[in-house]
Amino acid sequence: MVRRHRSTGRIAVNVLADGLISGLAAPVARFLAAPHDGLLHPLWFIMGGAITLLVSGLPFRIPQQYWRFSGVADLRGIAAASVAGAVLFSLMLFVSGFPLPSPTFPLIYALVLLVGLGGGRLLTRVYGGMRQQAHGQKLRVLLAGSDLSADLFLRALERASDRHYDVLGLVTRSPGQQGRRLHGVPIVASPMICRGCSNVWCVAVRCLTVSS
């Protein structure tokens, strides 16, 4: 019961945040499309922008997104909802008899929505990562394994609520991968590269395949 209330509360916060961003995006897009018409005229642009984005975002489950763990799939949904919201808002203007600020207004509004909604989620994720780095001493480790296994491990580590590991590098046997970076972690040739570092552990990672 408590978890259900928490989930409902998070969805409500998402709806409020997305509504606020989309509501502000409408007058900003109008100003960019027609600067001579002013910024906050008419004021119902704010309400119209919020409502049309929330309606168009339902098929893409935008209110259910977890901002701190937003990924590429979430950004695709945001892009689709931004385009749908811009089209729906433009149709609302057409039906009400209000002229478009400019022929490019739908495109500008979609881009402003994409920047606002995507940027908010990106900043939330960056802030969450900074908070995790500021909490406590972490165990410094080297990852030994394939690049696929390391990719899955690092992705899971990014999504962990309490990260206990500070990954210094990835040890691989593929000479062609050395010198590159995976999620910001350098791929090294040998664990001896960190022999000057104290208290460094080596963690072997392996990708398991489950067949149906």
N, C-alpha and C. Protein backbone atom coordinates (compact mmCIF):
# COMPACT_ATOMS: atom_id res chain seq x y z
N MET A 1 0.82 -1.20 0.00
CA MET A 1 0.00 0.00 0.00
C MET A 1 0.86 1.27 0.00
N VAL A 2 1.94 1.23 0.82
CA VAL A 2 2.83 2.39 0.88
C VAL A 2 3.52 2.60 -0.45
N ARG A 3 3.98 1.50 -1.08
CA ARG A 3 4.66 1.62 -2.37
C ARG A 3 3.72 2.17 -3.43
N ARG A 4 2.44 1.78 -3.38
CA ARG A 4 1.48 2.27 -4.36
C ARG A 4 1.28 3.77 -4.20
N HIS A 5 1.23 4.24 -2.95
CA HIS A 5 1.08 5.67 -2.72
C HIS A 5 2.31 6.43 -3.20
N ARG A 6 3.50 5.84 -2.98
CA ARG A 6 4.74 6.49 -3.46
C ARG A 6 4.74 6.60 -4.97
N SER A 7 4.33 5.51 -5.65
CA SER A 7 4.29 5.52 -7.11
C SER A 7 3.30 6.55 -7.62
N THR A 8 2.12 6.62 -6.98
CA THR A 8 1.12 7.62 -7.39
C THR A 8 1.65 9.03 -7.15
N GLY A 9 2.34 9.22 -6.05
CA GLY A 9 2.90 10.55 -5.77
C GLY A 9 3.95 10.95 -6.77
N ARG A 10 4.80 10.01 -7.18
CA ARG A 10 5.83 10.32 -8.17
C ARG A 10 5.21 10.65 -9.52
N ILE A 11 4.16 9.92 -9.89
CA ILE A 11 3.48 10.21 -11.16
C ILE A 11 2.85 11.60 -11.11
N ALA A 12 2.26 11.95 -9.95
CA ALA A 12 1.65 13.27 -9.81
C ALA A 12 2.71 14.37 -9.93
N VAL A 13 3.88 14.14 -9.33
CA VAL A 13 4.97 15.12 -9.45
C VAL A 13 5.42 15.24 -10.90
N ASN A 14 5.52 14.11 -11.61
CA ASN A 14 5.90 14.14 -13.02
C ASN A 14 4.89 14.93 -13.85
N VAL A 15 3.60 14.73 -13.57
CA VAL A 15 2.56 15.45 -14.31
C VAL A 15 2.68 16.95 -14.06
N LEU A 16 2.89 17.33 -12.82
CA LEU A 16 3.03 18.76 -12.51
C LEU A 16 4.27 19.36 -13.17
N ALA A 17 5.39 18.63 -13.11
CA ALA A 17 6.63 19.15 -13.70
C ALA A 17 6.52 19.25 -15.22
N ASP A 18 6.00 18.19 -15.86
CA ASP A 18 5.84 18.23 -17.31
C ASP A 18 4.84 19.30 -17.73
N GLY A 19 3.77 19.46 -16.96
CA GLY A 19 2.79 20.49 -17.27
C GLY A 19 3.38 21.89 -17.16
N LEU A 20 4.20 22.11 -16.14
CA LEU A 20 4.84 23.41 -15.96
C LEU A 20 5.81 23.71 -17.11
N ILE A 21 6.62 22.70 -17.46
CA ILE A 21 7.59 22.90 -18.55
C ILE A 21 6.89 23.15 -19.87
N SER A 22 5.86 22.34 -20.18
CA SER A 22 5.16 22.51 -21.46
C SER A 22 4.35 23.80 -21.48
N GLY A 23 3.82 24.20 -20.30
CA GLY A 23 3.10 25.46 -20.25
C GLY A 23 4.00 26.66 -20.53
N LEU A 24 5.21 26.63 -20.00
CA LEU A 24 6.17 27.71 -20.27
C LEU A 24 6.73 27.63 -21.68
N ALA A 25 6.78 26.41 -22.24
CA ALA A 25 7.34 26.25 -23.58
C ALA A 25 6.46 26.90 -24.65
N ALA A 26 5.14 26.92 -24.44
CA ALA A 26 4.23 27.49 -25.45
C ALA A 26 4.48 28.97 -25.70
N PRO A 27 4.49 29.84 -24.67
CA PRO A 27 4.78 31.26 -24.94
C PRO A 27 6.21 31.50 -25.41
N VAL A 28 7.16 30.66 -24.94
CA VAL A 28 8.55 30.81 -25.42
C VAL A 28 8.62 30.51 -26.91
N ALA A 29 7.96 29.43 -27.35
CA ALA A 29 7.96 29.09 -28.77
C ALA A 29 7.24 30.17 -29.58
N ARG A 30 6.17 30.72 -29.03
CA ARG A 30 5.46 31.79 -29.74
C ARG A 30 6.35 33.02 -29.90
N PHE A 31 7.12 33.34 -28.86
CA PHE A 31 8.02 34.49 -28.93
C PHE A 31 9.13 34.25 -29.96
N LEU A 32 9.66 33.03 -29.99
CA LEU A 32 10.70 32.72 -30.98
C LEU A 32 10.15 32.75 -32.40
N ALA A 33 8.89 32.34 -32.56
CA ALA A 33 8.29 32.34 -33.90
C ALA A 33 7.89 33.72 -34.35
N ALA A 34 7.44 34.56 -33.40
CA ALA A 34 7.01 35.93 -33.75
C ALA A 34 7.40 36.87 -32.61
N PRO A 35 8.65 37.32 -32.56
CA PRO A 35 9.11 38.15 -31.43
C PRO A 35 8.35 39.46 -31.28
N HIS A 36 7.81 40.00 -32.38
CA HIS A 36 7.14 41.29 -32.31
C HIS A 36 5.78 41.21 -31.62
N ASP A 37 5.25 40.00 -31.40
CA ASP A 37 3.94 39.85 -30.77
C ASP A 37 4.02 39.76 -29.25
N GLY A 38 5.21 39.81 -28.68
CA GLY A 38 5.34 39.74 -27.24
C GLY A 38 5.50 38.31 -26.74
N LEU A 39 5.63 38.17 -25.41
CA LEU A 39 5.91 36.87 -24.81
C LEU A 39 4.69 36.26 -24.13
N LEU A 40 3.98 37.01 -23.33
CA LEU A 40 2.88 36.47 -22.52
C LEU A 40 1.51 36.89 -23.04
N HIS A 41 1.38 36.95 -24.32
CA HIS A 41 0.07 37.30 -24.90
C HIS A 41 -0.24 36.34 -26.04
N PRO A 42 -1.36 35.62 -25.97
CA PRO A 42 -2.33 35.57 -24.86
C PRO A 42 -1.88 34.60 -23.77
N LEU A 43 -2.38 34.83 -22.55
CA LEU A 43 -1.98 34.01 -21.42
C LEU A 43 -2.50 32.58 -21.50
N TRP A 44 -3.59 32.35 -22.26
CA TRP A 44 -4.13 31.00 -22.31
C TRP A 44 -3.22 30.05 -23.08
N PHE A 45 -2.16 30.58 -23.71
CA PHE A 45 -1.16 29.71 -24.34
C PHE A 45 -0.53 28.79 -23.29
N ILE A 46 -0.35 29.31 -22.06
CA ILE A 46 0.28 28.51 -21.01
C ILE A 46 -0.57 27.30 -20.66
N MET A 47 -1.86 27.53 -20.41
CA MET A 47 -2.76 26.43 -20.09
C MET A 47 -2.92 25.47 -21.26
N GLY A 48 -3.05 26.03 -22.47
CA GLY A 48 -3.21 25.18 -23.65
C GLY A 48 -2.00 24.30 -23.90
N GLY A 49 -0.81 24.86 -23.71
CA GLY A 49 0.40 24.08 -23.90
C GLY A 49 0.52 22.95 -22.89
N ALA A 50 0.17 23.21 -21.63
CA ALA A 50 0.25 22.18 -20.60
C ALA A 50 -0.73 21.04 -20.87
N ILE A 51 -1.96 21.40 -21.23
CA ILE A 51 -2.99 20.38 -21.43
C ILE A 51 -2.68 19.52 -22.65
N THR A 52 -2.30 20.13 -23.76
CA THR A 52 -2.06 19.36 -24.98
C THR A 52 -0.86 18.42 -24.83
N LEU A 53 0.19 18.86 -24.10
CA LEU A 53 1.33 17.97 -23.90
C LEU A 53 0.98 16.80 -22.99
N LEU A 54 0.23 17.06 -21.93
CA LEU A 54 -0.14 15.97 -21.03
C LEU A 54 -1.03 14.95 -21.74
N VAL A 55 -1.92 15.42 -22.61
CA VAL A 55 -2.78 14.50 -23.36
C VAL A 55 -1.96 13.71 -24.37
N SER A 56 -1.11 14.40 -25.12
CA SER A 56 -0.31 13.71 -26.14
C SER A 56 0.76 12.81 -25.53
N GLY A 57 1.14 13.04 -24.27
CA GLY A 57 2.15 12.21 -23.64
C GLY A 57 1.63 10.93 -23.05
N LEU A 58 0.33 10.80 -22.92
CA LEU A 58 -0.24 9.58 -22.33
C LEU A 58 0.07 8.32 -23.14
N PRO A 59 -0.06 8.33 -24.48
CA PRO A 59 0.26 7.11 -25.23
C PRO A 59 1.72 6.67 -25.09
N PHE A 60 2.60 7.61 -24.78
CA PHE A 60 4.03 7.31 -24.65
C PHE A 60 4.45 7.15 -23.19
N ARG A 61 3.48 7.14 -22.28
CA ARG A 61 3.71 6.92 -20.85
C ARG A 61 4.72 7.92 -20.27
N ILE A 62 4.62 9.15 -20.70
CA ILE A 62 5.54 10.18 -20.20
C ILE A 62 5.38 10.39 -18.69
N PRO A 63 4.14 10.41 -18.13
CA PRO A 63 4.04 10.62 -16.68
C PRO A 63 4.65 9.51 -15.84
N GLN A 64 4.85 8.33 -16.42
CA GLN A 64 5.38 7.20 -15.65
C GLN A 64 6.90 7.11 -15.71
N GLN A 65 7.55 8.00 -16.41
CA GLN A 65 9.01 7.94 -16.52
C GLN A 65 9.66 8.29 -15.18
N TYR A 66 10.77 7.61 -14.91
CA TYR A 66 11.58 7.87 -13.72
C TYR A 66 12.69 8.83 -14.15
N TRP A 67 12.54 10.11 -13.79
CA TRP A 67 13.43 11.14 -14.31
C TRP A 67 14.90 10.83 -14.05
N ARG A 68 15.23 10.35 -12.85
CA ARG A 68 16.64 10.17 -12.49
C ARG A 68 17.30 9.06 -13.27
N PHE A 69 16.51 8.15 -13.85
CA PHE A 69 17.07 7.04 -14.60
C PHE A 69 16.64 7.07 -16.06
N SER A 70 16.37 8.25 -16.59
CA SER A 70 15.93 8.36 -17.98
C SER A 70 17.03 7.92 -18.93
N GLY A 71 16.64 7.15 -19.94
CA GLY A 71 17.59 6.65 -20.92
C GLY A 71 17.17 7.00 -22.33
N VAL A 72 17.77 6.30 -23.30
CA VAL A 72 17.50 6.58 -24.71
C VAL A 72 16.05 6.29 -25.05
N ALA A 73 15.51 5.20 -24.51
CA ALA A 73 14.11 4.86 -24.79
C ALA A 73 13.17 5.94 -24.28
N ASP A 74 13.48 6.51 -23.12
CA ASP A 74 12.66 7.59 -22.58
C ASP A 74 12.75 8.84 -23.46
N LEU A 75 13.94 9.13 -23.98
CA LEU A 75 14.10 10.30 -24.84
C LEU A 75 13.34 10.14 -26.15
N ARG A 76 13.25 8.91 -26.65
CA ARG A 76 12.45 8.68 -27.85
C ARG A 76 10.98 8.98 -27.57
N GLY A 77 10.51 8.56 -26.40
CA GLY A 77 9.14 8.86 -26.03
C GLY A 77 8.90 10.35 -25.87
N ILE A 78 9.88 11.06 -25.31
CA ILE A 78 9.77 12.50 -25.15
C ILE A 78 9.72 13.19 -26.51
N ALA A 79 10.56 12.74 -27.44
CA ALA A 79 10.56 13.32 -28.78
C ALA A 79 9.22 13.11 -29.47
N ALA A 80 8.67 11.90 -29.37
CA ALA A 80 7.38 11.62 -29.99
C ALA A 80 6.28 12.45 -29.33
N ALA A 81 6.29 12.55 -28.00
CA ALA A 81 5.28 13.35 -27.31
C ALA A 81 5.41 14.82 -27.63
N SER A 82 6.62 15.32 -27.84
CA SER A 82 6.83 16.72 -28.19
C SER A 82 6.23 17.03 -29.56
N VAL A 83 6.48 16.15 -30.51
CA VAL A 83 5.91 16.34 -31.85
C VAL A 83 4.39 16.27 -31.80
N ALA A 84 3.87 15.26 -31.08
CA ALA A 84 2.42 15.12 -30.98
C ALA A 84 1.79 16.30 -30.25
N GLY A 85 2.46 16.79 -29.21
CA GLY A 85 1.94 17.95 -28.48
C GLY A 85 1.92 19.20 -29.34
N ALA A 86 2.97 19.40 -30.15
CA ALA A 86 3.00 20.57 -31.03
C ALA A 86 1.91 20.49 -32.09
N VAL A 87 1.69 19.30 -32.64
CA VAL A 87 0.63 19.13 -33.64
C VAL A 87 -0.74 19.36 -33.02
N LEU A 88 -0.96 18.78 -31.83
CA LEU A 88 -2.26 18.94 -31.16
C LEU A 88 -2.51 20.39 -30.79
N PHE A 89 -1.49 21.10 -30.32
CA PHE A 89 -1.65 22.51 -29.97
C PHE A 89 -1.95 23.35 -31.21
N SER A 90 -1.28 23.05 -32.31
CA SER A 90 -1.53 23.79 -33.55
C SER A 90 -2.95 23.52 -34.07
N LEU A 91 -3.42 22.28 -33.94
CA LEU A 91 -4.79 21.97 -34.32
C LEU A 91 -5.79 22.71 -33.44
N MET A 92 -5.47 22.84 -32.16
CA MET A 92 -6.34 23.59 -31.26
C MET A 92 -6.43 25.05 -31.68
N LEU A 93 -5.30 25.63 -32.09
CA LEU A 93 -5.32 27.01 -32.58
C LEU A 93 -6.16 27.12 -33.85
N PHE A 94 -6.02 26.16 -34.74
CA PHE A 94 -6.77 26.19 -36.00
C PHE A 94 -8.27 26.08 -35.75
N VAL A 95 -8.67 25.18 -34.87
CA VAL A 95 -10.10 24.99 -34.58
C VAL A 95 -10.69 26.22 -33.89
N SER A 96 -9.93 26.85 -33.01
CA SER A 96 -10.42 28.03 -32.29
C SER A 96 -10.40 29.29 -33.15
N GLY A 97 -9.80 29.21 -34.34
CA GLY A 97 -9.74 30.37 -35.21
C GLY A 97 -8.59 31.32 -34.92
N PHE A 98 -7.70 30.93 -34.00
CA PHE A 98 -6.54 31.77 -33.68
C PHE A 98 -5.43 31.47 -34.67
N PRO A 99 -4.90 32.47 -35.35
CA PRO A 99 -3.87 32.19 -36.37
C PRO A 99 -2.55 31.74 -35.74
N LEU A 100 -1.82 30.92 -36.48
CA LEU A 100 -0.49 30.51 -36.03
C LEU A 100 0.44 31.72 -35.99
N PRO A 101 1.28 31.82 -34.96
CA PRO A 101 2.23 32.95 -34.91
C PRO A 101 3.10 33.03 -36.15
N SER A 102 3.46 31.88 -36.72
CA SER A 102 4.23 31.81 -37.96
C SER A 102 4.08 30.40 -38.53
N PRO A 103 4.36 30.21 -39.81
CA PRO A 103 4.25 28.84 -40.36
C PRO A 103 5.18 27.84 -39.70
N THR A 104 6.26 28.31 -39.11
CA THR A 104 7.23 27.40 -38.48
C THR A 104 6.95 27.18 -36.99
N PHE A 105 5.85 27.73 -36.50
CA PHE A 105 5.56 27.61 -35.06
C PHE A 105 5.48 26.17 -34.59
N PRO A 106 4.78 25.25 -35.29
CA PRO A 106 4.73 23.86 -34.79
C PRO A 106 6.11 23.24 -34.63
N LEU A 107 7.01 23.48 -35.58
CA LEU A 107 8.36 22.92 -35.48
C LEU A 107 9.13 23.54 -34.31
N ILE A 108 9.01 24.86 -34.17
CA ILE A 108 9.71 25.54 -33.06
C ILE A 108 9.18 25.06 -31.72
N TYR A 109 7.87 24.90 -31.62
CA TYR A 109 7.27 24.46 -30.36
C TYR A 109 7.71 23.03 -30.01
N ALA A 110 7.78 22.17 -31.02
CA ALA A 110 8.22 20.80 -30.77
C ALA A 110 9.67 20.78 -30.27
N LEU A 111 10.52 21.60 -30.86
CA LEU A 111 11.92 21.66 -30.43
C LEU A 111 12.06 22.21 -29.02
N VAL A 112 11.27 23.25 -28.70
CA VAL A 112 11.32 23.82 -27.35
C VAL A 112 10.85 22.80 -26.32
N LEU A 113 9.79 22.05 -26.65
CA LEU A 113 9.32 21.00 -25.76
C LEU A 113 10.39 19.92 -25.56
N LEU A 114 11.04 19.53 -26.64
CA LEU A 114 12.07 18.49 -26.55
C LEU A 114 13.23 18.95 -25.67
N VAL A 115 13.66 20.20 -25.85
CA VAL A 115 14.76 20.71 -25.03
C VAL A 115 14.34 20.83 -23.57
N GLY A 116 13.13 21.33 -23.32
CA GLY A 116 12.68 21.50 -21.95
C GLY A 116 12.47 20.20 -21.21
N LEU A 117 11.73 19.27 -21.82
CA LEU A 117 11.44 18.00 -21.17
C LEU A 117 12.69 17.12 -21.07
N GLY A 118 13.46 17.03 -22.16
CA GLY A 118 14.68 16.23 -22.13
C GLY A 118 15.74 16.84 -21.23
N GLY A 119 15.87 18.17 -21.27
CA GLY A 119 16.86 18.82 -20.43
C GLY A 119 16.56 18.68 -18.95
N GLY A 120 15.27 18.73 -18.59
CA GLY A 120 14.91 18.55 -17.18
C GLY A 120 15.28 17.18 -16.67
N ARG A 121 15.06 16.17 -17.48
CA ARG A 121 15.41 14.81 -17.07
C ARG A 121 16.92 14.62 -17.03
N LEU A 122 17.63 15.23 -17.97
CA LEU A 122 19.08 15.12 -17.97
C LEU A 122 19.70 15.78 -16.75
N LEU A 123 19.22 16.96 -16.40
CA LEU A 123 19.74 17.65 -15.22
C LEU A 123 19.43 16.86 -13.95
N THR A 124 18.25 16.25 -13.90
CA THR A 124 17.90 15.44 -12.73
C THR A 124 18.84 14.25 -12.60
N ARG A 125 19.17 13.62 -13.73
CA ARG A 125 20.07 12.47 -13.69
C ARG A 125 21.48 12.89 -13.28
N VAL A 126 21.95 14.02 -13.82
CA VAL A 126 23.29 14.49 -13.46
C VAL A 126 23.35 14.85 -11.98
N TYR A 127 22.30 15.50 -11.49
CA TYR A 127 22.26 15.87 -10.07
C TYR A 127 22.25 14.63 -9.18
N GLY A 128 21.49 13.61 -9.58
CA GLY A 128 21.48 12.37 -8.81
C GLY A 128 22.83 11.70 -8.77
N GLY A 129 23.56 11.72 -9.91
CA GLY A 129 24.89 11.16 -9.94
C GLY A 129 25.86 11.91 -9.05
N MET A 130 25.74 13.24 -9.01
CA MET A 130 26.61 14.05 -8.16
C MET A 130 26.33 13.78 -6.68
N ARG A 131 25.07 13.58 -6.34
CA ARG A 131 24.74 13.27 -4.95
C ARG A 131 25.30 11.92 -4.54
N GLN A 132 25.25 10.95 -5.45
CA GLN A 132 25.80 9.64 -5.14
C GLN A 132 27.30 9.70 -4.94
N GLN A 133 27.99 10.49 -5.74
CA GLN A 133 29.44 10.60 -5.61
C GLN A 133 29.84 11.29 -4.32
N ALA A 134 28.96 12.13 -3.80
CA ALA A 134 29.29 12.88 -2.59
C ALA A 134 29.06 12.08 -1.31
N HIS A 135 28.42 10.91 -1.42
CA HIS A 135 28.09 10.14 -0.22
C HIS A 135 29.11 9.01 0.00
N GLY A 136 29.88 9.18 1.05
CA GLY A 136 30.71 8.08 1.54
C GLY A 136 31.91 7.72 0.68
N GLN A 137 32.76 6.83 1.26
CA GLN A 137 33.94 6.31 0.60
C GLN A 137 33.56 5.10 -0.25
N LYS A 138 34.04 5.04 -1.47
CA LYS A 138 33.70 3.94 -2.37
C LYS A 138 34.90 3.02 -2.56
N LEU A 139 34.60 1.77 -2.86
CA LEU A 139 35.64 0.78 -3.12
C LEU A 139 36.10 0.91 -4.57
N ARG A 140 37.39 1.15 -4.76
CA ARG A 140 37.95 1.32 -6.10
C ARG A 140 38.22 -0.04 -6.72
N VAL A 141 37.72 -0.22 -7.94
CA VAL A 141 37.81 -1.54 -8.57
C VAL A 141 38.24 -1.40 -10.02
N LEU A 142 38.79 -2.49 -10.55
CA LEU A 142 39.03 -2.68 -11.98
C LEU A 142 38.08 -3.78 -12.46
N LEU A 143 37.47 -3.59 -13.61
CA LEU A 143 36.59 -4.60 -14.17
C LEU A 143 37.37 -5.45 -15.16
N ALA A 144 37.24 -6.76 -15.05
CA ALA A 144 37.89 -7.69 -15.96
C ALA A 144 36.81 -8.49 -16.68
N GLY A 145 36.77 -8.38 -18.00
CA GLY A 145 35.75 -9.08 -18.76
C GLY A 145 35.57 -8.46 -20.13
N SER A 146 34.55 -8.91 -20.84
CA SER A 146 34.29 -8.40 -22.18
C SER A 146 33.65 -7.01 -22.10
N ASP A 147 33.67 -6.33 -23.23
CA ASP A 147 33.08 -4.99 -23.26
C ASP A 147 31.56 -5.05 -23.06
N LEU A 148 30.91 -6.11 -23.55
CA LEU A 148 29.47 -6.26 -23.37
C LEU A 148 29.12 -6.45 -21.90
N SER A 149 29.87 -7.29 -21.21
CA SER A 149 29.62 -7.52 -19.79
C SER A 149 29.87 -6.25 -18.99
N ALA A 150 30.93 -5.54 -19.32
CA ALA A 150 31.24 -4.30 -18.62
C ALA A 150 30.16 -3.25 -18.87
N ASP A 151 29.64 -3.20 -20.09
CA ASP A 151 28.58 -2.25 -20.42
C ASP A 151 27.34 -2.51 -19.56
N LEU A 152 26.94 -3.78 -19.43
CA LEU A 152 25.78 -4.12 -18.61
C LEU A 152 26.04 -3.80 -17.13
N PHE A 153 27.25 -4.08 -16.65
CA PHE A 153 27.58 -3.82 -15.26
C PHE A 153 27.55 -2.32 -14.96
N LEU A 154 28.14 -1.53 -15.85
CA LEU A 154 28.19 -0.08 -15.63
C LEU A 154 26.81 0.54 -15.73
N ARG A 155 25.97 0.03 -16.64
CA ARG A 155 24.59 0.53 -16.72
C ARG A 155 23.83 0.24 -15.43
N ALA A 156 24.00 -0.98 -14.92
CA ALA A 156 23.34 -1.33 -13.66
C ALA A 156 23.88 -0.49 -12.51
N LEU A 157 25.18 -0.19 -12.54
CA LEU A 157 25.79 0.61 -11.48
C LEU A 157 25.25 2.04 -11.49
N GLU A 158 25.00 2.58 -12.69
CA GLU A 158 24.45 3.93 -12.80
C GLU A 158 23.05 4.01 -12.21
N ARG A 159 22.31 2.90 -12.28
CA ARG A 159 20.93 2.90 -11.81
C ARG A 159 20.80 2.49 -10.34
N ALA A 160 21.92 2.12 -9.73
CA ALA A 160 21.88 1.70 -8.33
C ALA A 160 21.65 2.90 -7.43
N SER A 161 20.78 2.73 -6.44
CA SER A 161 20.49 3.83 -5.52
C SER A 161 21.65 4.09 -4.56
N ASP A 162 22.47 3.08 -4.32
CA ASP A 162 23.61 3.22 -3.40
C ASP A 162 24.83 2.59 -4.06
N ARG A 163 25.66 3.40 -4.68
CA ARG A 163 26.81 2.90 -5.43
C ARG A 163 28.01 2.77 -4.49
N HIS A 164 28.52 1.56 -4.37
CA HIS A 164 29.66 1.30 -3.48
C HIS A 164 30.97 1.18 -4.25
N TYR A 165 30.93 1.26 -5.57
CA TYR A 165 32.12 1.02 -6.38
C TYR A 165 32.51 2.27 -7.17
N ASP A 166 33.81 2.50 -7.24
CA ASP A 166 34.37 3.52 -8.09
C ASP A 166 35.24 2.81 -9.13
N VAL A 167 34.72 2.66 -10.34
CA VAL A 167 35.40 1.88 -11.38
C VAL A 167 36.52 2.73 -11.99
N LEU A 168 37.75 2.23 -11.85
CA LEU A 168 38.92 2.96 -12.36
C LEU A 168 39.24 2.60 -13.81
N GLY A 169 38.92 1.38 -14.22
CA GLY A 169 39.26 0.97 -15.58
C GLY A 169 38.68 -0.39 -15.90
N LEU A 170 38.77 -0.75 -17.17
CA LEU A 170 38.29 -2.03 -17.67
C LEU A 170 39.45 -2.78 -18.30
N VAL A 171 39.70 -3.98 -17.81
CA VAL A 171 40.79 -4.81 -18.33
C VAL A 171 40.21 -5.75 -19.38
N THR A 172 40.75 -5.70 -20.57
CA THR A 172 40.27 -6.55 -21.66
C THR A 172 41.45 -7.16 -22.39
N ARG A 173 41.18 -8.30 -23.07
CA ARG A 173 42.22 -8.96 -23.84
C ARG A 173 42.27 -8.49 -25.29
N SER A 174 41.31 -7.68 -25.69
CA SER A 174 41.26 -7.21 -27.08
C SER A 174 42.18 -6.01 -27.25
N PRO A 175 43.27 -6.16 -28.00
CA PRO A 175 44.21 -5.03 -28.14
C PRO A 175 43.60 -3.86 -28.88
N GLY A 176 42.60 -4.10 -29.72
CA GLY A 176 41.99 -3.01 -30.47
C GLY A 176 41.11 -2.10 -29.63
N GLN A 177 40.74 -2.54 -28.42
CA GLN A 177 39.87 -1.74 -27.56
C GLN A 177 40.65 -0.88 -26.57
N GLN A 178 41.93 -1.14 -26.43
CA GLN A 178 42.72 -0.42 -25.45
C GLN A 178 42.85 1.05 -25.84
N GLY A 179 42.73 1.90 -24.82
CA GLY A 179 42.80 3.34 -25.04
C GLY A 179 41.46 4.00 -25.25
N ARG A 180 40.42 3.20 -25.48
CA ARG A 180 39.08 3.75 -25.65
C ARG A 180 38.39 3.87 -24.29
N ARG A 181 37.18 4.42 -24.28
CA ARG A 181 36.44 4.60 -23.04
C ARG A 181 35.04 4.02 -23.18
N LEU A 182 34.55 3.43 -22.09
CA LEU A 182 33.22 2.84 -22.04
C LEU A 182 32.49 3.47 -20.86
N HIS A 183 31.47 4.28 -21.14
CA HIS A 183 30.74 5.03 -20.10
C HIS A 183 31.71 5.91 -19.30
N GLY A 184 32.70 6.45 -19.97
CA GLY A 184 33.67 7.30 -19.30
C GLY A 184 34.78 6.56 -18.59
N VAL A 185 34.76 5.22 -18.60
CA VAL A 185 35.78 4.41 -17.93
C VAL A 185 36.82 3.98 -18.95
N PRO A 186 38.11 4.22 -18.70
CA PRO A 186 39.14 3.86 -19.69
C PRO A 186 39.34 2.36 -19.78
N ILE A 187 39.58 1.86 -20.99
CA ILE A 187 39.91 0.45 -21.23
C ILE A 187 41.42 0.33 -21.24
N VAL A 188 41.96 -0.46 -20.32
CA VAL A 188 43.41 -0.56 -20.14
C VAL A 188 43.88 -1.93 -20.60
N ALA A 189 45.18 -2.04 -20.82
CA ALA A 189 45.75 -3.29 -21.32
C ALA A 189 45.97 -4.31 -20.22
N SER A 190 46.31 -3.84 -19.04
CA SER A 190 46.66 -4.76 -17.96
C SER A 190 46.34 -4.10 -16.63
N PRO A 191 45.99 -4.90 -15.62
CA PRO A 191 45.77 -4.32 -14.29
C PRO A 191 47.02 -3.73 -13.68
N MET A 192 48.20 -4.01 -14.23
CA MET A 192 49.45 -3.47 -13.70
C MET A 192 49.52 -1.96 -13.90
N ILE A 193 48.61 -1.41 -14.74
CA ILE A 193 48.63 0.02 -14.98
C ILE A 193 48.26 0.79 -13.71
N CYS A 194 47.54 0.11 -12.82
CA CYS A 194 47.14 0.75 -11.57
C CYS A 194 47.91 0.21 -10.38
N ARG A 195 49.14 -0.28 -10.65
CA ARG A 195 49.91 -0.88 -9.55
C ARG A 195 50.33 0.16 -8.53
N GLY A 196 50.34 1.45 -8.92
CA GLY A 196 50.68 2.50 -7.96
C GLY A 196 49.52 2.90 -7.08
N CYS A 197 48.31 2.40 -7.38
CA CYS A 197 47.14 2.74 -6.60
C CYS A 197 46.98 1.75 -5.46
N SER A 198 46.61 2.24 -4.30
CA SER A 198 46.40 1.36 -3.14
C SER A 198 44.93 1.03 -2.99
N ASN A 199 44.68 -0.16 -2.41
CA ASN A 199 43.31 -0.60 -2.13
C ASN A 199 42.44 -0.64 -3.38
N VAL A 200 42.96 -1.25 -4.43
CA VAL A 200 42.21 -1.40 -5.68
C VAL A 200 41.89 -2.88 -5.86
N TRP A 201 40.62 -3.21 -6.04
CA TRP A 201 40.16 -4.57 -6.22
C TRP A 201 39.87 -4.83 -7.69
N CYS A 202 40.00 -6.08 -8.09
CA CYS A 202 39.68 -6.49 -9.45
C CYS A 202 38.40 -7.32 -9.42
N VAL A 203 37.41 -6.90 -10.19
CA VAL A 203 36.11 -7.56 -10.22
C VAL A 203 35.91 -8.15 -11.60
N ALA A 204 35.65 -9.45 -11.68
CA ALA A 204 35.38 -10.11 -12.95
C ALA A 204 33.89 -10.03 -13.25
N VAL A 205 33.57 -9.58 -14.45
CA VAL A 205 32.16 -9.46 -14.86
C VAL A 205 31.93 -10.39 -16.06
N ARG A 206 30.76 -10.99 -16.09
CA ARG A 206 30.42 -11.93 -17.15
C ARG A 206 28.96 -11.79 -17.49
N CYS A 207 28.66 -11.81 -18.78
CA CYS A 207 27.30 -11.71 -19.26
C CYS A 207 26.70 -13.10 -19.38
N LEU A 208 25.57 -13.31 -18.73
CA LEU A 208 24.89 -14.60 -18.76
C LEU A 208 23.72 -14.52 -19.74
N THR A 209 23.61 -15.51 -20.61
CA THR A 209 22.53 -15.58 -21.59
C THR A 209 21.53 -16.65 -21.17
N VAL A 210 20.26 -16.26 -21.07
CA VAL A 210 19.21 -17.19 -20.69
C VAL A 210 18.38 -17.52 -21.92
N SER A 211 18.36 -18.78 -22.31
CA SER A 211 17.61 -19.19 -23.48
C SER A 211 16.21 -19.62 -23.09
N SER A 212 15.22 -19.29 -23.92
CA SER A 212 13.83 -19.62 -23.63
C SER A 212 13.48 -20.99 -24.19
